[in-house]
Amino acid sequence: MGGADQQRDILLAEDNPADVSLLRTAFREYGQRPCHLHSVRDGEEALAFLQREGVYAGMPRPDLLILDIGLPKLGGWKVLQTIRATPALARMPVVMLTGATMAVDEGHRAALRPQAYFVKPVLLSEYQQLVKKLEKLLHAIPSNG
């Protein structure tokens, strides 16, 4: 079963409330598949959510993690490094988001192999293409549900 019509869980680890709001709105306005977008504000919260610790006990295992590189407490690359080193999470599909591309990211991308790496759009209209790309990735990922 491809799960095309099945609701998918996405975890967005993003500290900028405006970016969270834009992505929520973009999925609502441009999304073609049902999804539930959970969000956390820093790297430590992202790992707690994924490991279902504390207030995140009982939360679903996301089908996709969208991870901002510049997170507080624990940066996105460190979070991804921890995910890849944790057997229960190692195969988690992860998309990295960044405000601007940096040369140092290339080494991290090669070592940690996220499914994709995108520069954050600025305008809501630009999020349409991002949502389309994210949904294409989700369609290729088996559902956890």
N, C-alpha and C. Protein backbone atom coordinates (compact mmCIF):
# COMPACT_ATOMS: atom_id res chain seq x y z
N MET A 1 0.85 -1.19 0.00
CA MET A 1 0.00 0.00 0.00
C MET A 1 0.89 1.24 0.00
N GLY A 2 0.65 2.16 -0.94
CA GLY A 2 1.45 3.36 -1.06
C GLY A 2 1.13 4.41 -0.03
N GLY A 3 -0.07 4.40 0.52
CA GLY A 3 -0.42 5.35 1.56
C GLY A 3 -0.64 6.76 1.04
N ALA A 4 -1.01 6.90 -0.25
CA ALA A 4 -1.15 8.23 -0.84
C ALA A 4 -2.25 9.05 -0.16
N ASP A 5 -3.33 8.37 0.26
CA ASP A 5 -4.44 9.10 0.87
C ASP A 5 -4.39 9.05 2.40
N GLN A 6 -3.44 8.33 2.93
CA GLN A 6 -3.30 8.19 4.37
C GLN A 6 -2.63 9.43 4.94
N GLN A 7 -3.12 9.90 6.09
CA GLN A 7 -2.48 11.06 6.72
C GLN A 7 -1.06 10.71 7.13
N ARG A 8 -0.13 11.61 6.84
CA ARG A 8 1.27 11.40 7.18
C ARG A 8 1.66 12.38 8.28
N ASP A 9 2.50 11.92 9.19
CA ASP A 9 3.00 12.77 10.27
C ASP A 9 4.36 13.34 9.88
N ILE A 10 4.48 14.65 10.01
CA ILE A 10 5.72 15.35 9.73
C ILE A 10 6.12 16.11 10.98
N LEU A 11 7.39 16.01 11.34
CA LEU A 11 7.92 16.81 12.44
C LEU A 11 8.78 17.91 11.84
N LEU A 12 8.45 19.15 12.18
CA LEU A 12 9.22 20.31 11.76
C LEU A 12 9.98 20.83 12.97
N ALA A 13 11.31 20.82 12.90
CA ALA A 13 12.15 21.37 13.96
C ALA A 13 12.63 22.73 13.46
N GLU A 14 12.01 23.80 13.96
CA GLU A 14 12.24 25.16 13.47
C GLU A 14 12.01 26.14 14.61
N ASP A 15 12.98 27.03 14.83
CA ASP A 15 12.87 27.98 15.94
C ASP A 15 12.20 29.30 15.56
N ASN A 16 12.00 29.55 14.28
CA ASN A 16 11.39 30.80 13.84
C ASN A 16 9.88 30.59 13.66
N PRO A 17 9.05 31.20 14.53
CA PRO A 17 7.60 31.01 14.43
C PRO A 17 7.03 31.42 13.08
N ALA A 18 7.61 32.42 12.43
CA ALA A 18 7.12 32.85 11.12
C ALA A 18 7.34 31.74 10.08
N ASP A 19 8.49 31.06 10.14
CA ASP A 19 8.75 29.97 9.21
C ASP A 19 7.81 28.79 9.46
N VAL A 20 7.54 28.50 10.73
CA VAL A 20 6.59 27.43 11.07
C VAL A 20 5.21 27.77 10.51
N SER A 21 4.78 28.99 10.71
CA SER A 21 3.48 29.44 10.23
C SER A 21 3.39 29.37 8.70
N LEU A 22 4.44 29.83 8.02
CA LEU A 22 4.46 29.78 6.56
C LEU A 22 4.36 28.35 6.04
N LEU A 23 5.10 27.44 6.65
CA LEU A 23 5.06 26.05 6.18
C LEU A 23 3.70 25.41 6.48
N ARG A 24 3.12 25.70 7.64
CA ARG A 24 1.78 25.18 7.95
C ARG A 24 0.76 25.68 6.91
N THR A 25 0.81 26.98 6.64
CA THR A 25 -0.11 27.57 5.68
C THR A 25 0.12 26.99 4.28
N ALA A 26 1.38 26.81 3.91
CA ALA A 26 1.70 26.26 2.59
C ALA A 26 1.16 24.84 2.44
N PHE A 27 1.31 24.00 3.46
CA PHE A 27 0.76 22.64 3.38
C PHE A 27 -0.76 22.69 3.27
N ARG A 28 -1.38 23.60 4.03
CA ARG A 28 -2.84 23.72 4.00
C ARG A 28 -3.32 24.21 2.62
N GLU A 29 -2.63 25.20 2.05
CA GLU A 29 -3.08 25.79 0.79
C GLU A 29 -2.62 25.03 -0.46
N TYR A 30 -1.42 24.45 -0.41
CA TYR A 30 -0.85 23.84 -1.60
C TYR A 30 -0.75 22.32 -1.53
N GLY A 31 -0.87 21.77 -0.33
CA GLY A 31 -0.70 20.32 -0.17
C GLY A 31 -1.77 19.52 -0.86
N GLN A 32 -1.36 18.42 -1.44
CA GLN A 32 -2.28 17.52 -2.14
C GLN A 32 -2.58 16.27 -1.33
N ARG A 33 -1.81 16.05 -0.26
CA ARG A 33 -1.97 14.84 0.56
C ARG A 33 -2.22 15.25 2.01
N PRO A 34 -3.03 14.48 2.72
CA PRO A 34 -3.29 14.82 4.13
C PRO A 34 -2.04 14.61 4.99
N CYS A 35 -1.73 15.59 5.82
CA CYS A 35 -0.60 15.45 6.73
C CYS A 35 -0.88 16.21 8.02
N HIS A 36 -0.18 15.80 9.06
CA HIS A 36 -0.24 16.50 10.34
C HIS A 36 1.16 17.00 10.62
N LEU A 37 1.30 18.32 10.71
CA LEU A 37 2.60 18.94 10.93
C LEU A 37 2.78 19.24 12.41
N HIS A 38 3.65 18.49 13.06
CA HIS A 38 4.03 18.74 14.45
C HIS A 38 5.23 19.68 14.40
N SER A 39 5.41 20.51 15.43
CA SER A 39 6.60 21.36 15.42
C SER A 39 7.23 21.46 16.80
N VAL A 40 8.56 21.58 16.78
CA VAL A 40 9.35 21.79 17.99
C VAL A 40 10.31 22.94 17.69
N ARG A 41 10.83 23.59 18.77
CA ARG A 41 11.60 24.82 18.58
C ARG A 41 13.11 24.67 18.69
N ASP A 42 13.61 23.51 19.10
CA ASP A 42 15.07 23.38 19.19
C ASP A 42 15.47 21.92 18.99
N GLY A 43 16.78 21.70 18.90
CA GLY A 43 17.28 20.36 18.63
C GLY A 43 17.02 19.36 19.74
N GLU A 44 17.09 19.82 20.97
CA GLU A 44 16.81 18.92 22.10
C GLU A 44 15.36 18.45 22.07
N GLU A 45 14.44 19.37 21.77
CA GLU A 45 13.02 19.00 21.68
C GLU A 45 12.80 18.02 20.53
N ALA A 46 13.50 18.23 19.42
CA ALA A 46 13.36 17.32 18.27
C ALA A 46 13.73 15.90 18.67
N LEU A 47 14.86 15.74 19.36
CA LEU A 47 15.27 14.40 19.79
C LEU A 47 14.30 13.82 20.81
N ALA A 48 13.81 14.65 21.73
CA ALA A 48 12.83 14.17 22.72
C ALA A 48 11.56 13.68 22.02
N PHE A 49 11.10 14.43 21.01
CA PHE A 49 9.92 14.03 20.25
C PHE A 49 10.17 12.69 19.56
N LEU A 50 11.30 12.58 18.88
CA LEU A 50 11.60 11.36 18.13
C LEU A 50 11.77 10.15 19.05
N GLN A 51 12.29 10.38 20.25
CA GLN A 51 12.49 9.29 21.20
C GLN A 51 11.30 9.12 22.14
N ARG A 52 10.26 9.95 21.93
CA ARG A 52 9.01 9.89 22.68
C ARG A 52 9.24 10.01 24.18
N GLU A 53 10.03 11.01 24.54
CA GLU A 53 10.36 11.25 25.95
C GLU A 53 9.57 12.41 26.52
N GLY A 54 9.32 12.35 27.83
CA GLY A 54 8.66 13.45 28.53
C GLY A 54 7.31 13.78 27.95
N VAL A 55 7.08 15.06 27.63
CA VAL A 55 5.78 15.51 27.11
C VAL A 55 5.48 14.90 25.74
N TYR A 56 6.48 14.29 25.11
CA TYR A 56 6.27 13.69 23.78
C TYR A 56 5.99 12.19 23.83
N ALA A 57 5.84 11.63 25.04
CA ALA A 57 5.48 10.22 25.17
C ALA A 57 4.14 10.00 24.46
N GLY A 58 4.06 8.96 23.69
CA GLY A 58 2.81 8.66 22.99
C GLY A 58 2.64 9.38 21.66
N MET A 59 3.58 10.23 21.30
CA MET A 59 3.48 10.92 20.01
C MET A 59 3.80 9.93 18.89
N PRO A 60 3.27 10.16 17.70
CA PRO A 60 3.56 9.24 16.60
C PRO A 60 5.00 9.40 16.12
N ARG A 61 5.56 8.35 15.58
CA ARG A 61 6.87 8.44 14.94
C ARG A 61 6.63 9.13 13.60
N PRO A 62 7.26 10.26 13.36
CA PRO A 62 7.02 10.98 12.10
C PRO A 62 7.47 10.18 10.88
N ASP A 63 6.76 10.39 9.77
CA ASP A 63 7.15 9.80 8.50
C ASP A 63 8.31 10.58 7.90
N LEU A 64 8.43 11.85 8.30
CA LEU A 64 9.48 12.73 7.77
C LEU A 64 9.82 13.77 8.82
N LEU A 65 11.12 14.07 8.93
CA LEU A 65 11.59 15.14 9.80
C LEU A 65 12.15 16.25 8.92
N ILE A 66 11.63 17.46 9.10
CA ILE A 66 12.15 18.64 8.43
C ILE A 66 12.94 19.39 9.48
N LEU A 67 14.24 19.51 9.27
CA LEU A 67 15.17 19.95 10.30
C LEU A 67 15.90 21.22 9.88
N ASP A 68 15.67 22.29 10.62
CA ASP A 68 16.40 23.55 10.39
C ASP A 68 17.84 23.34 10.84
N ILE A 69 18.78 23.79 10.05
CA ILE A 69 20.19 23.64 10.40
C ILE A 69 20.57 24.50 11.59
N GLY A 70 20.02 25.72 11.67
CA GLY A 70 20.41 26.66 12.72
C GLY A 70 19.54 26.63 13.96
N LEU A 71 19.27 25.45 14.50
CA LEU A 71 18.45 25.34 15.71
C LEU A 71 19.23 25.72 16.96
N PRO A 72 18.54 26.30 17.96
CA PRO A 72 19.20 26.54 19.25
C PRO A 72 19.37 25.23 20.03
N LYS A 73 20.19 25.29 21.05
CA LYS A 73 20.50 24.19 21.98
C LYS A 73 21.30 23.07 21.32
N LEU A 74 20.81 22.55 20.23
CA LEU A 74 21.49 21.49 19.49
C LEU A 74 21.19 21.73 18.02
N GLY A 75 22.21 22.08 17.26
CA GLY A 75 22.01 22.42 15.85
C GLY A 75 21.51 21.24 15.02
N GLY A 76 20.97 21.56 13.86
CA GLY A 76 20.38 20.55 12.99
C GLY A 76 21.33 19.44 12.59
N TRP A 77 22.57 19.77 12.27
CA TRP A 77 23.52 18.73 11.87
C TRP A 77 23.83 17.80 13.05
N LYS A 78 23.91 18.35 14.27
CA LYS A 78 24.15 17.53 15.47
C LYS A 78 22.95 16.61 15.72
N VAL A 79 21.74 17.15 15.52
CA VAL A 79 20.53 16.33 15.67
C VAL A 79 20.58 15.17 14.67
N LEU A 80 20.90 15.47 13.41
CA LEU A 80 20.95 14.42 12.40
C LEU A 80 22.05 13.40 12.72
N GLN A 81 23.18 13.87 13.22
CA GLN A 81 24.25 12.96 13.61
C GLN A 81 23.76 11.99 14.71
N THR A 82 23.02 12.52 15.67
CA THR A 82 22.47 11.69 16.75
C THR A 82 21.45 10.70 16.20
N ILE A 83 20.60 11.16 15.30
CA ILE A 83 19.60 10.27 14.67
C ILE A 83 20.29 9.12 13.96
N ARG A 84 21.31 9.42 13.17
CA ARG A 84 22.00 8.38 12.40
C ARG A 84 22.73 7.39 13.31
N ALA A 85 23.11 7.83 14.51
CA ALA A 85 23.82 6.96 15.46
C ALA A 85 22.88 6.20 16.39
N THR A 86 21.57 6.44 16.27
CA THR A 86 20.58 5.78 17.13
C THR A 86 19.86 4.72 16.32
N PRO A 87 20.09 3.43 16.60
CA PRO A 87 19.51 2.37 15.77
C PRO A 87 18.01 2.51 15.48
N ALA A 88 17.22 2.88 16.46
CA ALA A 88 15.76 2.99 16.26
C ALA A 88 15.38 4.14 15.33
N LEU A 89 16.29 5.11 15.15
CA LEU A 89 15.99 6.30 14.34
C LEU A 89 16.84 6.40 13.08
N ALA A 90 17.85 5.58 12.95
CA ALA A 90 18.87 5.74 11.91
C ALA A 90 18.32 5.85 10.49
N ARG A 91 17.22 5.20 10.23
CA ARG A 91 16.66 5.21 8.86
C ARG A 91 15.60 6.29 8.67
N MET A 92 15.41 7.14 9.68
CA MET A 92 14.42 8.21 9.60
C MET A 92 14.71 9.13 8.40
N PRO A 93 13.71 9.36 7.55
CA PRO A 93 13.90 10.31 6.45
C PRO A 93 13.98 11.75 6.99
N VAL A 94 15.05 12.45 6.62
CA VAL A 94 15.29 13.80 7.13
C VAL A 94 15.57 14.74 5.97
N VAL A 95 14.92 15.89 6.01
CA VAL A 95 15.15 16.98 5.06
C VAL A 95 15.74 18.14 5.85
N MET A 96 16.84 18.68 5.37
CA MET A 96 17.49 19.82 6.02
C MET A 96 17.00 21.11 5.37
N LEU A 97 16.74 22.11 6.22
CA LEU A 97 16.37 23.45 5.75
C LEU A 97 17.41 24.43 6.26
N THR A 98 17.74 25.40 5.43
CA THR A 98 18.72 26.40 5.84
C THR A 98 18.29 27.77 5.33
N GLY A 99 18.70 28.80 6.05
CA GLY A 99 18.44 30.16 5.61
C GLY A 99 19.37 30.56 4.46
N ALA A 100 20.56 29.98 4.44
CA ALA A 100 21.54 30.27 3.39
C ALA A 100 22.50 29.10 3.27
N THR A 101 22.89 28.75 2.06
CA THR A 101 23.83 27.66 1.88
C THR A 101 25.21 28.07 2.38
N MET A 102 25.90 27.12 2.98
CA MET A 102 27.25 27.36 3.47
C MET A 102 28.14 26.22 3.01
N ALA A 103 29.41 26.53 2.76
CA ALA A 103 30.35 25.52 2.29
C ALA A 103 30.48 24.36 3.27
N VAL A 104 30.44 24.64 4.56
CA VAL A 104 30.59 23.59 5.57
C VAL A 104 29.46 22.56 5.50
N ASP A 105 28.32 22.96 4.98
CA ASP A 105 27.18 22.03 4.88
C ASP A 105 27.48 20.87 3.94
N GLU A 106 28.30 21.08 2.93
CA GLU A 106 28.59 20.01 1.96
C GLU A 106 29.19 18.78 2.65
N GLY A 107 30.13 18.99 3.56
CA GLY A 107 30.73 17.87 4.28
C GLY A 107 29.72 17.15 5.14
N HIS A 108 28.86 17.91 5.81
CA HIS A 108 27.82 17.31 6.64
C HIS A 108 26.83 16.51 5.78
N ARG A 109 26.48 17.07 4.63
CA ARG A 109 25.54 16.38 3.73
C ARG A 109 26.12 15.06 3.25
N ALA A 110 27.39 15.05 2.91
CA ALA A 110 28.03 13.83 2.43
C ALA A 110 28.11 12.78 3.54
N ALA A 111 28.42 13.21 4.74
CA ALA A 111 28.59 12.28 5.86
C ALA A 111 27.26 11.76 6.42
N LEU A 112 26.25 12.62 6.50
CA LEU A 112 25.01 12.28 7.19
C LEU A 112 23.85 11.94 6.27
N ARG A 113 23.98 12.23 5.01
CA ARG A 113 23.03 11.86 3.97
C ARG A 113 21.56 12.17 4.26
N PRO A 114 21.20 13.43 4.40
CA PRO A 114 19.76 13.73 4.49
C PRO A 114 19.11 13.42 3.13
N GLN A 115 17.78 13.19 3.14
CA GLN A 115 17.07 12.91 1.89
C GLN A 115 17.12 14.10 0.95
N ALA A 116 17.14 15.30 1.54
CA ALA A 116 17.17 16.52 0.72
C ALA A 116 17.68 17.67 1.57
N TYR A 117 18.05 18.75 0.88
CA TYR A 117 18.61 19.95 1.50
C TYR A 117 18.02 21.13 0.73
N PHE A 118 17.28 21.99 1.41
CA PHE A 118 16.61 23.11 0.75
C PHE A 118 16.92 24.42 1.46
N VAL A 119 17.04 25.49 0.67
CA VAL A 119 17.10 26.83 1.24
C VAL A 119 15.66 27.26 1.48
N LYS A 120 15.40 27.83 2.66
CA LYS A 120 14.04 28.24 3.02
C LYS A 120 13.53 29.31 2.07
N PRO A 121 12.31 29.11 1.59
CA PRO A 121 11.68 30.18 0.82
C PRO A 121 11.39 31.37 1.73
N VAL A 122 11.17 32.52 1.13
CA VAL A 122 10.87 33.72 1.90
C VAL A 122 9.38 34.04 1.84
N LEU A 123 8.80 33.93 0.67
CA LEU A 123 7.39 34.26 0.46
C LEU A 123 6.52 33.01 0.46
N LEU A 124 5.28 33.17 0.89
CA LEU A 124 4.35 32.04 0.90
C LEU A 124 4.25 31.41 -0.49
N SER A 125 4.18 32.23 -1.52
CA SER A 125 4.05 31.69 -2.88
C SER A 125 5.24 30.79 -3.25
N GLU A 126 6.41 31.07 -2.69
CA GLU A 126 7.60 30.24 -2.97
C GLU A 126 7.53 28.89 -2.25
N TYR A 127 6.72 28.82 -1.23
CA TYR A 127 6.57 27.57 -0.48
C TYR A 127 5.82 26.51 -1.28
N GLN A 128 5.09 26.93 -2.31
CA GLN A 128 4.34 25.97 -3.12
C GLN A 128 5.28 24.91 -3.69
N GLN A 129 6.42 25.33 -4.23
CA GLN A 129 7.37 24.38 -4.80
C GLN A 129 7.99 23.49 -3.71
N LEU A 130 8.27 24.07 -2.54
CA LEU A 130 8.82 23.28 -1.45
C LEU A 130 7.84 22.20 -1.01
N VAL A 131 6.57 22.56 -0.85
CA VAL A 131 5.55 21.59 -0.45
C VAL A 131 5.45 20.48 -1.51
N LYS A 132 5.51 20.85 -2.76
CA LYS A 132 5.44 19.87 -3.84
C LYS A 132 6.61 18.88 -3.73
N LYS A 133 7.81 19.38 -3.48
CA LYS A 133 9.00 18.52 -3.34
C LYS A 133 8.89 17.64 -2.10
N LEU A 134 8.42 18.22 -0.99
CA LEU A 134 8.27 17.44 0.24
C LEU A 134 7.23 16.34 0.07
N GLU A 135 6.13 16.63 -0.59
CA GLU A 135 5.10 15.62 -0.82
C GLU A 135 5.61 14.51 -1.73
N LYS A 136 6.44 14.86 -2.70
CA LYS A 136 7.02 13.84 -3.58
C LYS A 136 7.91 12.90 -2.76
N LEU A 137 8.71 13.47 -1.84
CA LEU A 137 9.52 12.64 -0.96
C LEU A 137 8.65 11.75 -0.07
N LEU A 138 7.62 12.34 0.52
CA LEU A 138 6.71 11.57 1.39
C LEU A 138 6.05 10.42 0.66
N HIS A 139 5.69 10.65 -0.59
CA HIS A 139 5.02 9.62 -1.39
C HIS A 139 5.93 8.40 -1.57
N ALA A 140 7.24 8.63 -1.61
CA ALA A 140 8.19 7.54 -1.83
C ALA A 140 8.57 6.82 -0.52
N ILE A 141 8.15 7.38 0.62
CA ILE A 141 8.52 6.83 1.94
C ILE A 141 7.37 5.97 2.46
N PRO A 142 7.65 4.75 2.89
CA PRO A 142 6.58 3.94 3.50
C PRO A 142 6.05 4.63 4.76
N SER A 143 4.75 4.55 4.95
CA SER A 143 4.11 5.17 6.12
C SER A 143 4.45 4.40 7.40
N ASN A 144 4.55 5.15 8.50
CA ASN A 144 4.74 4.53 9.81
C ASN A 144 3.41 4.09 10.40
N GLY A 145 2.31 4.55 9.80
CA GLY A 145 1.00 4.31 10.37
C GLY A 145 0.44 3.02 10.06
